[in-house]
Amino acid sequence: MKIANTGIILIITLLSLCGCLSYGDKRACRKACAAIEPLETNLEITEADLEKGMYFGNLIQKRQGTPDDWIHASEGKYNSAWLSKEKAKDRRCDCINTYQDNKQ
């Protein structure tokens, strides 16, 4: 029984280290995404975008007025988007590792 418990503890520890269970990483991600400044030439977020809770665009296409709690997901893919907290539920955040390179 001790081996099984040790195995479970090890798995939980590994998942925590990779960020899969860490609430702190989600908070850090949202903070990193909020730190990305929209380019001056970008469009402003629309009411339709806010109602949908998302809009398509890469990291540097962040729109003026994007709420600070939105994250960016799927950078470099066809469906990259800025997403509200609700829409981002099962999506991996791109901002935590890349925002330094994209901060204006």
N, C-alpha and C. Protein backbone atom coordinates (compact mmCIF):
# COMPACT_ATOMS: atom_id res chain seq x y z
N MET A 1 0.83 -1.20 0.00
CA MET A 1 0.00 0.00 0.00
C MET A 1 0.87 1.26 0.00
N LYS A 2 2.01 1.21 0.70
CA LYS A 2 2.88 2.37 0.75
C LYS A 2 3.42 2.72 -0.63
N ILE A 3 3.71 1.69 -1.45
CA ILE A 3 4.22 1.94 -2.80
C ILE A 3 3.17 2.63 -3.65
N ALA A 4 1.92 2.23 -3.54
CA ALA A 4 0.83 2.86 -4.30
C ALA A 4 0.67 4.32 -3.89
N ASN A 5 0.70 4.59 -2.58
CA ASN A 5 0.58 5.97 -2.11
C ASN A 5 1.76 6.82 -2.58
N THR A 6 2.95 6.25 -2.56
CA THR A 6 4.13 6.97 -3.02
C THR A 6 4.01 7.28 -4.51
N GLY A 7 3.49 6.33 -5.28
CA GLY A 7 3.29 6.54 -6.71
C GLY A 7 2.31 7.66 -6.99
N ILE A 8 1.22 7.69 -6.24
CA ILE A 8 0.22 8.75 -6.41
C ILE A 8 0.82 10.11 -6.06
N ILE A 9 1.55 10.16 -4.98
CA ILE A 9 2.20 11.42 -4.57
C ILE A 9 3.19 11.87 -5.63
N LEU A 10 3.94 10.94 -6.20
CA LEU A 10 4.91 11.26 -7.25
C LEU A 10 4.21 11.82 -8.49
N ILE A 11 3.12 11.20 -8.90
CA ILE A 11 2.37 11.67 -10.07
C ILE A 11 1.82 13.07 -9.83
N ILE A 12 1.24 13.30 -8.67
CA ILE A 12 0.70 14.63 -8.36
C ILE A 12 1.82 15.67 -8.34
N THR A 13 2.95 15.31 -7.79
CA THR A 13 4.10 16.23 -7.76
C THR A 13 4.56 16.57 -9.16
N LEU A 14 4.66 15.57 -10.02
CA LEU A 14 5.09 15.81 -11.41
C LEU A 14 4.10 16.68 -12.16
N LEU A 15 2.81 16.42 -11.98
CA LEU A 15 1.80 17.25 -12.63
C LEU A 15 1.86 18.69 -12.15
N SER A 16 2.11 18.86 -10.87
CA SER A 16 2.23 20.22 -10.33
C SER A 16 3.44 20.94 -10.90
N LEU A 17 4.54 20.22 -11.04
CA LEU A 17 5.76 20.83 -11.58
C LEU A 17 5.58 21.26 -13.03
N CYS A 18 4.81 20.51 -13.80
CA CYS A 18 4.63 20.89 -15.21
C CYS A 18 3.53 21.94 -15.36
N GLY A 19 2.90 22.33 -14.28
CA GLY A 19 1.90 23.39 -14.33
C GLY A 19 0.49 22.91 -14.58
N CYS A 20 0.30 21.60 -14.65
CA CYS A 20 -1.02 21.07 -14.97
C CYS A 20 -2.03 21.28 -13.85
N LEU A 21 -1.57 21.36 -12.62
CA LEU A 21 -2.49 21.52 -11.50
C LEU A 21 -2.31 22.84 -10.77
N SER A 22 -1.47 23.67 -11.26
CA SER A 22 -1.08 24.86 -10.51
C SER A 22 -1.96 26.06 -10.82
N TYR A 23 -2.68 26.53 -9.83
CA TYR A 23 -3.49 27.73 -10.00
C TYR A 23 -2.59 28.95 -10.19
N GLY A 24 -1.42 28.93 -9.57
CA GLY A 24 -0.47 30.03 -9.70
C GLY A 24 -0.06 30.25 -11.14
N ASP A 25 0.08 29.18 -11.91
CA ASP A 25 0.44 29.31 -13.32
C ASP A 25 -0.68 29.98 -14.11
N LYS A 26 -1.92 29.67 -13.78
CA LYS A 26 -3.04 30.32 -14.46
C LYS A 26 -3.04 31.82 -14.17
N ARG A 27 -2.76 32.16 -12.91
CA ARG A 27 -2.70 33.57 -12.54
C ARG A 27 -1.54 34.25 -13.24
N ALA A 28 -0.39 33.58 -13.28
CA ALA A 28 0.78 34.13 -13.96
C ALA A 28 0.52 34.29 -15.45
N CYS A 29 -0.20 33.35 -16.01
CA CYS A 29 -0.53 33.41 -17.43
C CYS A 29 -1.39 34.63 -17.72
N ARG A 30 -2.44 34.83 -16.94
CA ARG A 30 -3.33 35.98 -17.15
C ARG A 30 -2.57 37.29 -16.97
N LYS A 31 -1.67 37.32 -15.99
CA LYS A 31 -0.86 38.52 -15.77
C LYS A 31 0.05 38.77 -16.97
N ALA A 32 0.64 37.70 -17.50
CA ALA A 32 1.53 37.82 -18.65
C ALA A 32 0.75 38.29 -19.88
N CYS A 33 -0.44 37.76 -20.08
CA CYS A 33 -1.26 38.18 -21.23
C CYS A 33 -1.68 39.64 -21.09
N ALA A 34 -2.00 40.04 -19.86
CA ALA A 34 -2.40 41.43 -19.63
C ALA A 34 -1.25 42.38 -19.91
N ALA A 35 -0.01 41.90 -19.74
CA ALA A 35 1.16 42.75 -19.96
C ALA A 35 1.45 43.02 -21.43
N ILE A 36 0.85 42.23 -22.32
CA ILE A 36 1.05 42.47 -23.75
C ILE A 36 0.27 43.71 -24.14
N GLU A 37 0.97 44.68 -24.67
CA GLU A 37 0.34 45.93 -25.09
C GLU A 37 -0.14 45.81 -26.53
N PRO A 38 -1.38 46.19 -26.81
CA PRO A 38 -1.85 46.18 -28.19
C PRO A 38 -1.04 47.17 -29.03
N LEU A 39 -0.81 46.83 -30.28
CA LEU A 39 -0.15 47.76 -31.18
C LEU A 39 -1.06 48.94 -31.42
N GLU A 40 -0.50 50.11 -31.65
CA GLU A 40 -1.32 51.29 -31.87
C GLU A 40 -2.21 51.16 -33.09
N THR A 41 -1.80 50.35 -34.05
CA THR A 41 -2.58 50.20 -35.27
C THR A 41 -3.68 49.16 -35.15
N ASN A 42 -3.71 48.41 -34.04
CA ASN A 42 -4.74 47.38 -33.89
C ASN A 42 -6.12 47.98 -33.73
N LEU A 43 -7.10 47.22 -34.11
CA LEU A 43 -8.48 47.61 -33.92
C LEU A 43 -8.86 47.53 -32.46
N GLU A 44 -9.96 48.16 -32.11
CA GLU A 44 -10.49 48.04 -30.75
C GLU A 44 -11.40 46.83 -30.69
N ILE A 45 -11.49 46.24 -29.50
CA ILE A 45 -12.38 45.10 -29.30
C ILE A 45 -13.81 45.59 -29.48
N THR A 46 -14.66 44.76 -30.06
CA THR A 46 -16.04 45.15 -30.32
C THR A 46 -16.98 44.53 -29.27
N GLU A 47 -18.19 45.04 -29.24
CA GLU A 47 -19.20 44.47 -28.35
C GLU A 47 -19.46 43.02 -28.72
N ALA A 48 -19.44 42.71 -30.02
CA ALA A 48 -19.66 41.33 -30.47
C ALA A 48 -18.55 40.41 -29.94
N ASP A 49 -17.30 40.89 -29.97
CA ASP A 49 -16.18 40.11 -29.43
C ASP A 49 -16.40 39.84 -27.95
N LEU A 50 -16.79 40.87 -27.22
CA LEU A 50 -17.01 40.73 -25.78
C LEU A 50 -18.15 39.76 -25.49
N GLU A 51 -19.22 39.83 -26.28
CA GLU A 51 -20.35 38.92 -26.09
C GLU A 51 -19.97 37.48 -26.40
N LYS A 52 -19.18 37.29 -27.48
CA LYS A 52 -18.71 35.94 -27.83
C LYS A 52 -17.68 35.44 -26.83
N GLY A 53 -16.96 36.36 -26.19
CA GLY A 53 -15.92 35.98 -25.26
C GLY A 53 -14.63 35.58 -25.94
N MET A 54 -14.45 36.01 -27.20
CA MET A 54 -13.23 35.67 -27.92
C MET A 54 -13.16 36.42 -29.25
N TYR A 55 -11.95 36.47 -29.78
CA TYR A 55 -11.73 36.89 -31.17
C TYR A 55 -10.46 36.22 -31.65
N PHE A 56 -10.40 35.96 -32.95
CA PHE A 56 -9.23 35.32 -33.54
C PHE A 56 -8.13 36.33 -33.77
N GLY A 57 -6.89 35.91 -33.53
CA GLY A 57 -5.73 36.76 -33.75
C GLY A 57 -4.53 36.21 -33.02
N ASN A 58 -3.34 36.55 -33.51
CA ASN A 58 -2.13 36.07 -32.84
C ASN A 58 -1.76 37.02 -31.69
N LEU A 59 -0.62 36.76 -31.05
CA LEU A 59 -0.23 37.54 -29.89
C LEU A 59 -0.13 39.03 -30.18
N ILE A 60 0.44 39.38 -31.33
CA ILE A 60 0.61 40.81 -31.61
C ILE A 60 -0.65 41.45 -32.20
N GLN A 61 -1.72 40.68 -32.33
CA GLN A 61 -2.98 41.23 -32.80
C GLN A 61 -3.96 41.47 -31.66
N LYS A 62 -3.42 41.61 -30.46
CA LYS A 62 -4.27 41.92 -29.31
C LYS A 62 -4.95 43.26 -29.56
N ARG A 63 -6.25 43.32 -29.34
CA ARG A 63 -7.02 44.53 -29.62
C ARG A 63 -7.08 45.45 -28.42
N GLN A 64 -7.14 46.73 -28.69
CA GLN A 64 -7.32 47.73 -27.63
C GLN A 64 -8.61 47.40 -26.88
N GLY A 65 -8.55 47.44 -25.56
CA GLY A 65 -9.74 47.18 -24.74
C GLY A 65 -9.95 45.72 -24.38
N THR A 66 -9.03 44.83 -24.78
CA THR A 66 -9.16 43.43 -24.40
C THR A 66 -9.07 43.33 -22.88
N PRO A 67 -10.05 42.69 -22.23
CA PRO A 67 -10.02 42.59 -20.78
C PRO A 67 -8.73 41.92 -20.28
N ASP A 68 -8.26 42.34 -19.12
CA ASP A 68 -7.01 41.82 -18.56
C ASP A 68 -7.08 40.35 -18.19
N ASP A 69 -8.28 39.81 -18.01
CA ASP A 69 -8.36 38.40 -17.63
C ASP A 69 -8.48 37.46 -18.82
N TRP A 70 -8.38 37.99 -20.05
CA TRP A 70 -8.39 37.15 -21.24
C TRP A 70 -7.00 36.59 -21.47
N ILE A 71 -6.94 35.39 -22.05
CA ILE A 71 -5.65 34.79 -22.39
C ILE A 71 -5.56 34.58 -23.89
N HIS A 72 -4.36 34.27 -24.34
CA HIS A 72 -4.14 33.93 -25.74
C HIS A 72 -3.81 32.45 -25.83
N ALA A 73 -4.35 31.78 -26.85
CA ALA A 73 -4.11 30.35 -27.03
C ALA A 73 -3.86 30.03 -28.50
N SER A 74 -3.14 28.96 -28.73
CA SER A 74 -2.87 28.40 -30.06
C SER A 74 -2.04 29.30 -30.97
N GLU A 75 -1.06 30.00 -30.39
CA GLU A 75 -0.17 30.84 -31.19
C GLU A 75 0.50 30.01 -32.28
N GLY A 76 0.56 30.58 -33.48
CA GLY A 76 1.19 29.91 -34.61
C GLY A 76 0.29 28.94 -35.34
N LYS A 77 -0.93 28.81 -34.89
CA LYS A 77 -1.88 27.91 -35.55
C LYS A 77 -2.99 28.73 -36.19
N TYR A 78 -3.74 28.09 -37.05
CA TYR A 78 -4.81 28.75 -37.78
C TYR A 78 -5.87 29.34 -36.86
N ASN A 79 -6.12 28.69 -35.73
CA ASN A 79 -7.19 29.14 -34.83
C ASN A 79 -6.68 29.87 -33.59
N SER A 80 -5.54 30.57 -33.69
CA SER A 80 -5.06 31.31 -32.52
C SER A 80 -6.08 32.39 -32.17
N ALA A 81 -6.26 32.61 -30.88
CA ALA A 81 -7.33 33.52 -30.46
C ALA A 81 -7.07 34.08 -29.07
N TRP A 82 -7.71 35.21 -28.81
CA TRP A 82 -7.79 35.79 -27.47
C TRP A 82 -9.12 35.35 -26.89
N LEU A 83 -9.07 34.80 -25.67
CA LEU A 83 -10.24 34.15 -25.09
C LEU A 83 -10.56 34.63 -23.68
N SER A 84 -11.86 34.72 -23.40
CA SER A 84 -12.30 35.06 -22.05
C SER A 84 -12.00 33.89 -21.11
N LYS A 85 -12.12 34.14 -19.84
CA LYS A 85 -11.88 33.12 -18.82
C LYS A 85 -12.76 31.89 -19.07
N GLU A 86 -14.01 32.11 -19.44
CA GLU A 86 -14.94 31.02 -19.68
C GLU A 86 -14.56 30.22 -20.93
N LYS A 87 -14.20 30.90 -21.99
CA LYS A 87 -13.85 30.22 -23.24
C LYS A 87 -12.50 29.53 -23.14
N ALA A 88 -11.62 30.02 -22.28
CA ALA A 88 -10.26 29.50 -22.18
C ALA A 88 -10.14 28.30 -21.25
N LYS A 89 -11.24 27.84 -20.75
CA LYS A 89 -11.25 26.81 -19.71
C LYS A 89 -10.29 25.65 -19.97
N ASP A 90 -10.33 25.06 -21.14
CA ASP A 90 -9.49 23.89 -21.43
C ASP A 90 -8.37 24.18 -22.42
N ARG A 91 -8.07 25.44 -22.64
CA ARG A 91 -7.03 25.81 -23.60
C ARG A 91 -5.75 26.17 -22.87
N ARG A 92 -4.63 25.85 -23.48
CA ARG A 92 -3.33 26.17 -22.90
C ARG A 92 -2.95 27.60 -23.27
N CYS A 93 -2.51 28.34 -22.30
CA CYS A 93 -2.14 29.74 -22.48
C CYS A 93 -0.77 29.87 -23.11
N ASP A 94 -0.64 30.76 -24.10
CA ASP A 94 0.63 31.02 -24.78
C ASP A 94 1.43 32.14 -24.12
N CYS A 95 0.81 32.98 -23.35
CA CYS A 95 1.46 34.20 -22.89
C CYS A 95 2.56 33.98 -21.86
N ILE A 96 2.46 32.94 -21.08
CA ILE A 96 3.37 32.78 -19.95
C ILE A 96 4.83 32.67 -20.37
N ASN A 97 5.10 32.10 -21.54
CA ASN A 97 6.48 31.93 -21.98
C ASN A 97 6.89 32.93 -23.05
N THR A 98 5.94 33.61 -23.65
CA THR A 98 6.28 34.42 -24.82
C THR A 98 6.03 35.91 -24.65
N TYR A 99 5.38 36.33 -23.57
CA TYR A 99 4.98 37.73 -23.51
C TYR A 99 6.16 38.69 -23.49
N GLN A 100 7.29 38.31 -22.95
CA GLN A 100 8.44 39.21 -22.90
C GLN A 100 8.86 39.63 -24.31
N ASP A 101 8.78 38.68 -25.26
CA ASP A 101 9.18 38.98 -26.63
C ASP A 101 8.17 39.84 -27.36
N ASN A 102 6.93 39.88 -26.87
CA ASN A 102 5.88 40.60 -27.57
C ASN A 102 5.43 41.87 -26.87
N LYS A 103 6.03 42.17 -25.73
CA LYS A 103 5.64 43.35 -24.99
C LYS A 103 6.16 44.58 -25.73
N GLN A 104 5.31 45.53 -25.91
CA GLN A 104 5.68 46.76 -26.65
C GLN A 104 6.41 47.71 -25.77
